[in-house]
Amino acid sequence: MGACASSFSVPTKASAMSHLGLDAAETIVNAALAAGRAGKMAPLTVVVLDAGGHVVVIKREDKSGIGRVDIATGKAWGALGMGVGSRSLAARATKTPQFINSLAVAFAGRMMPAPGGVLVRDGKGDIIGAVGISGDLSDRDEFCAIKGIEAAGLSADPGTDS
């Protein structure tokens, strides 16, 4: 019993700041949706996941298709699962489609290799979550995710085309 009690540690202020909480997630979603409205984009669905892949916030605008939650989640979850923005997964899909197909199986279908899945990094560069957006063209979805993440004072990592 004593060994269990001594191994427990109370989170410090520094470790508490290195997670993606509800306030930051709501800021991300609201700013991303505002960017979509400002750009006159199609109705968007925004999903914010924490570093463990758990949903923190989902918002689906009126008239955003019923499959958009799954697509947005797949963009974010795939990015977290591989540790790269989904733009990198899209680039890799063109070079090694068999690997991406195998990855989709390994991830039980929870991935979407298309831009719009953006990693969220804290001030130290650590991954603390991901944002996935679906509803418009993938590049425009990604733009809104980046705007949302930046509005929360965090760093956006969409991946690269190479």
Protein backbone atom coordinates (compact mmCIF):
# COMPACT_ATOMS: atom_id res chain seq x y z
CA MET A 1 0.00 0.00 0.00
CA GLY A 2 2.80 2.42 0.88
CA ALA A 3 4.51 1.94 -2.52
CA CYS A 4 1.34 2.93 -4.36
CA ALA A 5 0.84 6.03 -2.28
CA SER A 6 4.44 7.18 -2.73
CA SER A 7 4.30 6.78 -6.54
CA PHE A 8 1.37 9.19 -6.84
CA SER A 9 2.33 12.70 -7.89
CA VAL A 10 0.27 15.84 -7.97
CA PRO A 11 0.42 17.65 -11.34
CA THR A 12 2.53 20.76 -11.23
CA LYS A 13 1.50 24.05 -12.77
CA ALA A 14 3.91 23.41 -15.68
CA SER A 15 2.46 19.97 -16.45
CA ALA A 16 -1.09 21.27 -16.13
CA MET A 17 -0.34 23.84 -18.83
CA SER A 18 0.85 21.20 -21.30
CA HIS A 19 -2.58 19.78 -22.05
CA LEU A 20 -5.41 20.99 -24.22
CA GLY A 21 -8.28 22.03 -21.97
CA LEU A 22 -11.86 22.96 -22.64
CA ASP A 23 -11.32 26.73 -22.65
CA ALA A 24 -8.57 26.54 -25.28
CA ALA A 25 -10.56 24.01 -27.32
CA GLU A 26 -13.63 26.27 -27.34
CA THR A 27 -11.48 29.22 -28.42
CA ILE A 28 -10.06 27.10 -31.26
CA VAL A 29 -13.49 25.97 -32.46
CA ASN A 30 -15.09 29.39 -32.29
CA ALA A 31 -12.19 31.13 -34.06
CA ALA A 32 -12.06 28.41 -36.74
CA LEU A 33 -15.78 28.77 -37.41
CA ALA A 34 -15.45 32.57 -37.51
CA ALA A 35 -12.68 32.20 -40.12
CA GLY A 36 -14.96 29.98 -42.15
CA ARG A 37 -17.81 32.48 -42.03
CA ALA A 38 -15.44 35.36 -42.90
CA GLY A 39 -14.24 33.35 -45.92
CA LYS A 40 -17.82 32.48 -46.96
CA MET A 41 -16.97 28.78 -46.76
CA ALA A 42 -19.36 25.88 -46.84
CA PRO A 43 -20.73 24.85 -43.43
CA LEU A 44 -17.93 23.39 -41.32
CA THR A 45 -17.55 20.75 -38.67
CA VAL A 46 -14.68 21.21 -36.20
CA VAL A 47 -13.33 18.53 -33.87
CA VAL A 48 -10.71 19.16 -31.19
CA LEU A 49 -8.93 16.17 -29.65
CA ASP A 50 -6.53 16.13 -26.72
CA ALA A 51 -3.15 14.39 -26.99
CA GLY A 52 -4.74 11.06 -26.06
CA GLY A 53 -7.20 11.27 -28.94
CA HIS A 54 -10.18 12.07 -26.72
CA VAL A 55 -12.80 14.51 -27.96
CA VAL A 56 -12.70 17.84 -26.14
CA VAL A 57 -15.14 19.77 -28.36
CA ILE A 58 -17.14 19.11 -31.52
CA LYS A 59 -19.20 21.75 -33.31
CA ARG A 60 -21.10 21.13 -36.52
CA GLU A 61 -22.61 24.12 -38.28
CA ASP A 62 -26.15 23.91 -39.59
CA LYS A 63 -26.24 22.14 -42.96
CA SER A 64 -22.82 20.54 -42.50
CA GLY A 65 -23.22 16.97 -43.74
CA ILE A 66 -23.74 14.09 -41.35
CA GLY A 67 -20.45 12.44 -42.36
CA ARG A 68 -18.41 15.53 -41.54
CA VAL A 69 -17.95 14.65 -37.86
CA ASP A 70 -16.30 11.36 -38.84
CA ILE A 71 -14.15 13.02 -41.51
CA ALA A 72 -12.99 15.83 -39.20
CA THR A 73 -12.27 13.32 -36.43
CA GLY A 74 -10.34 11.13 -38.87
CA LYS A 75 -8.19 14.07 -39.95
CA ALA A 76 -7.33 14.95 -36.33
CA TRP A 77 -6.95 11.35 -35.11
CA GLY A 78 -4.71 10.36 -38.03
CA ALA A 79 -2.49 13.37 -37.37
CA LEU A 80 -2.17 12.43 -33.70
CA GLY A 81 -1.63 8.77 -34.48
CA MET A 82 1.31 9.48 -36.76
CA GLY A 83 2.58 12.64 -35.06
CA VAL A 84 2.36 14.69 -38.27
CA GLY A 85 -0.26 17.01 -39.69
CA SER A 86 -2.66 15.38 -42.13
CA ARG A 87 -1.13 17.37 -45.02
CA SER A 88 1.93 15.12 -44.55
CA LEU A 89 -0.32 12.04 -44.59
CA ALA A 90 -1.90 13.23 -47.85
CA ALA A 91 1.55 13.66 -49.41
CA ARG A 92 2.59 10.23 -48.22
CA ALA A 93 -0.62 8.71 -49.63
CA THR A 94 0.41 9.71 -53.15
CA LYS A 95 3.87 8.17 -52.71
CA THR A 96 3.00 5.04 -50.72
CA PRO A 97 -0.74 4.31 -51.04
CA GLN A 98 -0.32 0.75 -49.76
CA PHE A 99 1.18 2.04 -46.51
CA ILE A 100 -1.69 4.51 -46.03
CA ASN A 101 -4.22 1.74 -46.71
CA SER A 102 -2.49 -0.46 -44.12
CA LEU A 103 -2.41 2.46 -41.70
CA ALA A 104 -6.16 2.92 -42.13
CA VAL A 105 -6.63 -0.73 -41.19
CA ALA A 106 -4.28 -0.42 -38.21
CA PHE A 107 -6.15 2.69 -37.06
CA ALA A 108 -9.53 0.95 -37.48
CA GLY A 109 -10.49 3.51 -40.13
CA ARG A 110 -9.88 6.47 -37.80
CA MET A 111 -7.78 8.47 -40.24
CA MET A 112 -8.27 10.73 -43.21
CA PRO A 113 -5.13 11.51 -45.27
CA ALA A 114 -6.22 14.97 -46.43
CA PRO A 115 -5.31 18.48 -45.28
CA GLY A 116 -7.43 19.75 -42.42
CA GLY A 117 -5.95 17.73 -39.55
CA VAL A 118 -3.60 20.07 -37.70
CA LEU A 119 -1.49 19.21 -34.67
CA VAL A 120 -1.66 21.59 -31.72
CA ARG A 121 1.69 22.28 -30.07
CA ASP A 122 2.39 24.09 -26.83
CA GLY A 123 5.14 26.67 -26.26
CA LYS A 124 7.72 23.91 -25.83
CA GLY A 125 6.76 22.31 -29.15
CA ASP A 126 5.05 19.31 -27.54
CA ILE A 127 1.91 17.90 -29.17
CA ILE A 128 -1.04 18.59 -26.88
CA GLY A 129 -3.85 17.76 -29.30
CA ALA A 130 -5.15 18.07 -32.83
CA VAL A 131 -7.89 19.86 -34.72
CA GLY A 132 -9.77 18.33 -37.61
CA ILE A 133 -12.07 20.30 -39.88
CA SER A 134 -14.31 19.15 -42.71
CA GLY A 135 -16.88 20.91 -44.84
CA ASP A 136 -15.08 22.91 -47.52
CA LEU A 137 -12.02 22.21 -49.66
CA SER A 138 -9.31 20.55 -47.56
CA ASP A 139 -6.90 23.50 -47.90
CA ARG A 140 -9.60 25.86 -46.66
CA ASP A 141 -10.46 23.51 -43.79
CA GLU A 142 -6.79 23.54 -42.82
CA PHE A 143 -6.65 27.35 -42.99
CA CYS A 144 -9.51 27.59 -40.48
CA ALA A 145 -7.86 25.06 -38.15
CA ILE A 146 -4.66 27.10 -38.16
CA LYS A 147 -6.57 30.32 -37.45
CA GLY A 148 -8.36 28.67 -34.54
CA ILE A 149 -5.19 27.26 -33.00
CA GLU A 150 -3.38 30.57 -33.32
CA ALA A 151 -6.35 32.39 -31.70
CA ALA A 152 -5.81 30.18 -28.64
CA GLY A 153 -2.17 31.28 -28.45
CA LEU A 154 -0.87 27.85 -29.49
CA SER A 155 1.24 26.64 -32.42
CA ALA A 156 -0.32 24.95 -35.44
CA ASP A 157 1.48 22.13 -37.28
CA PRO A 158 -0.40 21.18 -40.46
CA GLY A 159 2.40 19.03 -41.88
CA THR A 160 4.11 19.46 -45.25
CA ASP A 161 3.56 18.53 -48.88
CA SER A 162 6.82 16.59 -49.07
